[in-house]
C-alpha atoms as a PDB file:
ATOM      1  CA  UNK A   1      75.080 119.692 132.377  1.00  0.00           C
ATOM      2  CA  UNK A   2      77.172 118.670 129.164  1.00  0.00           C
ATOM      3  CA  UNK A   3      75.297 117.910 126.041  1.00  0.00           C
ATOM      4  CA  UNK A   4      77.107 115.985 123.075  1.00  0.00           C
ATOM      5  CA  UNK A   5      75.648 114.864 119.699  1.00  0.00           C
ATOM      6  CA  UNK A   6      76.817 112.858 116.891  1.00  0.00           C
ATOM      7  CA  UNK A   7      75.492 112.991 113.625  1.00  0.00           C
ATOM      8  CA  UNK A   8      77.101 109.964 111.568  1.00  0.00           C
ATOM      9  CA  UNK A   9      77.152 110.793 107.788  1.00  0.00           C
ATOM     10  CA  UNK A  10      78.298 106.722 107.111  1.00  0.00           C
ATOM     11  CA  UNK A  11      76.747 106.450 103.828  1.00  0.00           C
ATOM     12  CA  UNK A  12      78.339 109.435 102.433  1.00  0.00           C
ATOM     13  CA  UNK A  13      81.856 108.642 104.081  1.00  0.00           C
ATOM     14  CA  UNK A  14      81.160 104.957 102.138  1.00  0.00           C
ATOM     15  CA  UNK A  15      81.058 106.299  98.777  1.00  0.00           C
ATOM     16  CA  UNK A  16      83.850 108.555  98.646  1.00  0.00           C
ATOM     17  CA  UNK A  17      86.142 106.037 100.472  1.00  0.00           C
ATOM     18  CA  UNK A  18      84.895 103.439  97.469  1.00  0.00           C
ATOM     19  CA  UNK A  19      85.724 106.070  94.850  1.00  0.00           C
ATOM     20  CA  UNK A  20      89.416 106.224  96.502  1.00  0.00           C
ATOM     21  CA  UNK A  21      90.032 102.850  96.824  1.00  0.00           C
ATOM     22  CA  UNK A  22      88.426 102.566  93.505  1.00  0.00           C
ATOM     23  CA  UNK A  23      90.528 106.007  91.734  1.00  0.00           C
ATOM     24  CA  UNK A  24      93.613 103.836  93.153  1.00  0.00           C
ATOM     25  CA  UNK A  25      93.094 100.586  92.238  1.00  0.00           C
ATOM     26  CA  UNK A  26      93.157 101.243  88.739  1.00  0.00           C
ATOM     27  CA  UNK A  27      96.553 103.722  89.206  1.00  0.00           C
ATOM     28  CA  UNK A  28      97.835 100.320  90.719  1.00  0.00           C
ATOM     29  CA  UNK A  29      96.868  97.471  88.187  1.00  0.00           C
ATOM     30  CA  UNK A  30      98.049 100.263  85.401  1.00  0.00           C
ATOM     31  CA  UNK A  31     101.336 100.114  87.523  1.00  0.00           C
ATOM     32  CA  UNK A  32     101.512  96.134  87.845  1.00  0.00           C
ATOM     33  CA  UNK A  33     100.496  96.188  84.136  1.00  0.00           C
ATOM     34  CA  UNK A  34     103.297  98.180  83.407  1.00  0.00           C
ATOM     35  CA  UNK A  35     105.757  96.556  85.544  1.00  0.00           C
ATOM     36  CA  UNK A  36     104.914  92.736  84.334  1.00  0.00           C
ATOM     37  CA  UNK A  37     105.548  94.292  79.970  1.00  0.00           C
ATOM     38  CA  UNK A  38     108.992  94.315  80.438  1.00  0.00           C
ATOM     39  CA  UNK A  39     108.512  90.571  82.150  1.00  0.00           C
ATOM     40  CA  UNK A  40     106.415  89.188  79.904  1.00  0.00           C
ATOM     41  CA  UNK A  41     107.450  86.295  77.369  1.00  0.00           C
ATOM     42  CA  UNK A  42     107.465  88.352  73.854  1.00  0.00           C
ATOM     43  CA  UNK A  43     108.190  86.689  70.138  1.00  0.00           C
ATOM     44  CA  UNK A  44     105.520  88.514  68.248  1.00  0.00           C
ATOM     45  CA  UNK A  45     103.824  90.977  70.496  1.00  0.00           C
ATOM     46  CA  UNK A  46     100.345  88.938  70.652  1.00  0.00           C
ATOM     47  CA  UNK A  47     100.627  88.004  74.501  1.00  0.00           C
ATOM     48  CA  UNK A  48     101.953  91.941  75.354  1.00  0.00           C
ATOM     49  CA  UNK A  49      99.309  93.550  73.884  1.00  0.00           C
ATOM     50  CA  UNK A  50      97.083  91.863  74.767  1.00  0.00           C
ATOM     51  CA  UNK A  51      97.505  92.437  78.660  1.00  0.00           C
ATOM     52  CA  UNK A  52      94.915  94.362  80.382  1.00  0.00           C
ATOM     53  CA  UNK A  53      93.597  95.926  83.361  1.00  0.00           C
ATOM     54  CA  UNK A  54      89.798  95.443  84.493  1.00  0.00           C
ATOM     55  CA  UNK A  55      88.110  96.908  87.732  1.00  0.00           C
ATOM     56  CA  UNK A  56      84.967  95.772  89.071  1.00  0.00           C
ATOM     57  CA  UNK A  57      82.347  96.759  92.243  1.00  0.00           C
ATOM     58  CA  UNK A  58      80.668  94.040  94.156  1.00  0.00           C
ATOM     59  CA  UNK A  59      79.220  95.738  97.133  1.00  0.00           C
ATOM     60  CA  UNK A  60      82.182  97.361  99.541  1.00  0.00           C
ATOM     61  CA  UNK A  61      84.586  95.378  97.889  1.00  0.00           C
ATOM     62  CA  UNK A  62      86.765  96.930  94.281  1.00  0.00           C
ATOM     63  CA  UNK A  63      88.452  93.878  92.975  1.00  0.00           C
ATOM     64  CA  UNK A  64      91.218  95.059  90.344  1.00  0.00           C
ATOM     65  CA  UNK A  65      92.783  92.564  87.344  1.00  0.00           C
ATOM     66  CA  UNK A  66      95.636  92.484  85.567  1.00  0.00           C
ATOM     67  CA  UNK A  67      95.226  89.900  82.245  1.00  0.00           C
ATOM     68  CA  UNK A  68      96.674  88.874  79.598  1.00  0.00           C
ATOM     69  CA  UNK A  69      94.183  87.092  77.214  1.00  0.00           C
ATOM     70  CA  UNK A  70      95.603  84.780  75.281  1.00  0.00           C
ATOM     71  CA  UNK A  71      95.411  80.622  75.158  1.00  0.00           C
ATOM     72  CA  UNK A  72      98.410  80.515  75.980  1.00  0.00           C
ATOM     73  CA  UNK A  73      99.119  83.384  78.371  1.00  0.00           C
ATOM     74  CA  UNK A  74      98.271  81.063  81.558  1.00  0.00           C
ATOM     75  CA  UNK A  75     100.500  78.265  80.309  1.00  0.00           C
ATOM     76  CA  UNK A  76     103.621  80.175  79.789  1.00  0.00           C
ATOM     77  CA  UNK A  77     103.003  82.317  83.260  1.00  0.00           C
ATOM     78  CA  UNK A  78     103.152  79.369  85.106  1.00  0.00           C
ATOM     79  CA  UNK A  79     106.348  77.703  83.339  1.00  0.00           C
ATOM     80  CA  UNK A  80     109.214  79.643  84.880  1.00  0.00           C
ATOM     81  CA  UNK A  81     111.603  77.275  84.119  1.00  0.00           C
ATOM     82  CA  UNK A  82     111.012  78.142  80.021  1.00  0.00           C
ATOM     83  CA  UNK A  83     114.100  80.259  78.307  1.00  0.00           C
ATOM     84  CA  UNK A  84     113.088  83.482  77.290  1.00  0.00           C
ATOM     85  CA  UNK A  85     115.605  85.681  77.185  1.00  0.00           C
ATOM     86  CA  UNK A  86     115.710  89.426  77.448  1.00  0.00           C
ATOM     87  CA  UNK A  87     114.478  89.712  80.722  1.00  0.00           C
ATOM     88  CA  UNK A  88     111.490  87.775  79.515  1.00  0.00           C
ATOM     89  CA  UNK A  89     110.153  85.073  81.555  1.00  0.00           C
ATOM     90  CA  UNK A  90     107.168  82.711  83.315  1.00  0.00           C
ATOM     91  CA  UNK A  91     105.399  84.485  86.581  1.00  0.00           C
ATOM     92  CA  UNK A  92     105.213  87.637  84.832  1.00  0.00           C
ATOM     93  CA  UNK A  93     102.767  88.616  86.664  1.00  0.00           C
ATOM     94  CA  UNK A  94     103.500  86.663  89.612  1.00  0.00           C
ATOM     95  CA  UNK A  95     106.528  88.277  90.349  1.00  0.00           C
ATOM     96  CA  UNK A  96     105.456  92.155  89.978  1.00  0.00           C
ATOM     97  CA  UNK A  97     103.105  91.576  91.951  1.00  0.00           C
ATOM     98  CA  UNK A  98     105.161  90.269  94.625  1.00  0.00           C
ATOM     99  CA  UNK A  99     107.997  92.822  94.631  1.00  0.00           C
ATOM    100  CA  UNK A 100     104.961  95.667  94.449  1.00  0.00           C
ATOM    101  CA  UNK A 101     102.618  94.509  96.352  1.00  0.00           C
ATOM    102  CA  UNK A 102     103.751  96.116  99.959  1.00  0.00           C
ATOM    103  CA  UNK A 103     103.682  99.904  97.914  1.00  0.00           C
ATOM    104  CA  UNK A 104     100.397  99.116  96.546  1.00  0.00           C
ATOM    105  CA  UNK A 105      99.019  98.780  99.810  1.00  0.00           C
ATOM    106  CA  UNK A 106     100.653 101.748 101.119  1.00  0.00           C
ATOM    107  CA  UNK A 107      99.446 104.131  98.251  1.00  0.00           C
ATOM    108  CA  UNK A 108      95.497 103.178  98.068  1.00  0.00           C
ATOM    109  CA  UNK A 109      95.908 103.212 102.631  1.00  0.00           C
ATOM    110  CA  UNK A 110      97.294 106.654 102.070  1.00  0.00           C
ATOM    111  CA  UNK A 111      94.498 107.399  99.374  1.00  0.00           C
ATOM    112  CA  UNK A 112      91.663 106.686 102.219  1.00  0.00           C
ATOM    113  CA  UNK A 113      93.518 108.588 104.338  1.00  0.00           C
ATOM    114  CA  UNK A 114      93.409 111.718 102.108  1.00  0.00           C
ATOM    115  CA  UNK A 115      89.906 111.123 101.928  1.00  0.00           C
ATOM    116  CA  UNK A 116      89.258 110.770 104.921  1.00  0.00           C
ATOM    117  CA  UNK A 117      91.561 113.872 106.044  1.00  0.00           C
ATOM    118  CA  UNK A 118      89.609 116.484 103.611  1.00  0.00           C
ATOM    119  CA  UNK A 119      85.763 115.506 104.894  1.00  0.00           C
ATOM    120  CA  UNK A 120      83.478 118.072 105.704  1.00  0.00           C
ATOM    121  CA  UNK A 121      80.928 116.738 106.442  1.00  0.00           C
END
């Protein structure tokens, strides 16, 4: 007769994975913010200095947000036809996100894989 037993530590695993995802998403929002900073329209610096990140957790979901907080941020973002010069342009968040998305997702996946491989429960 062969016996097999399994002790499930699902709650502890979930906590560790959620923590790793939160930490990595925080890093990735900073990467995206930095990439957008070189494209955001610049006149007096108000728009650029309003850039920030936020992390929130809703249940098992981690949400990373990168934003610019001026009344005109959305208008400038949504008009790529404007000529800002010096490499500055509309879509200053969308374009860097599209360029970095696969790399960012891979790093988040790697962070989860690292945590799971190191759990000693």
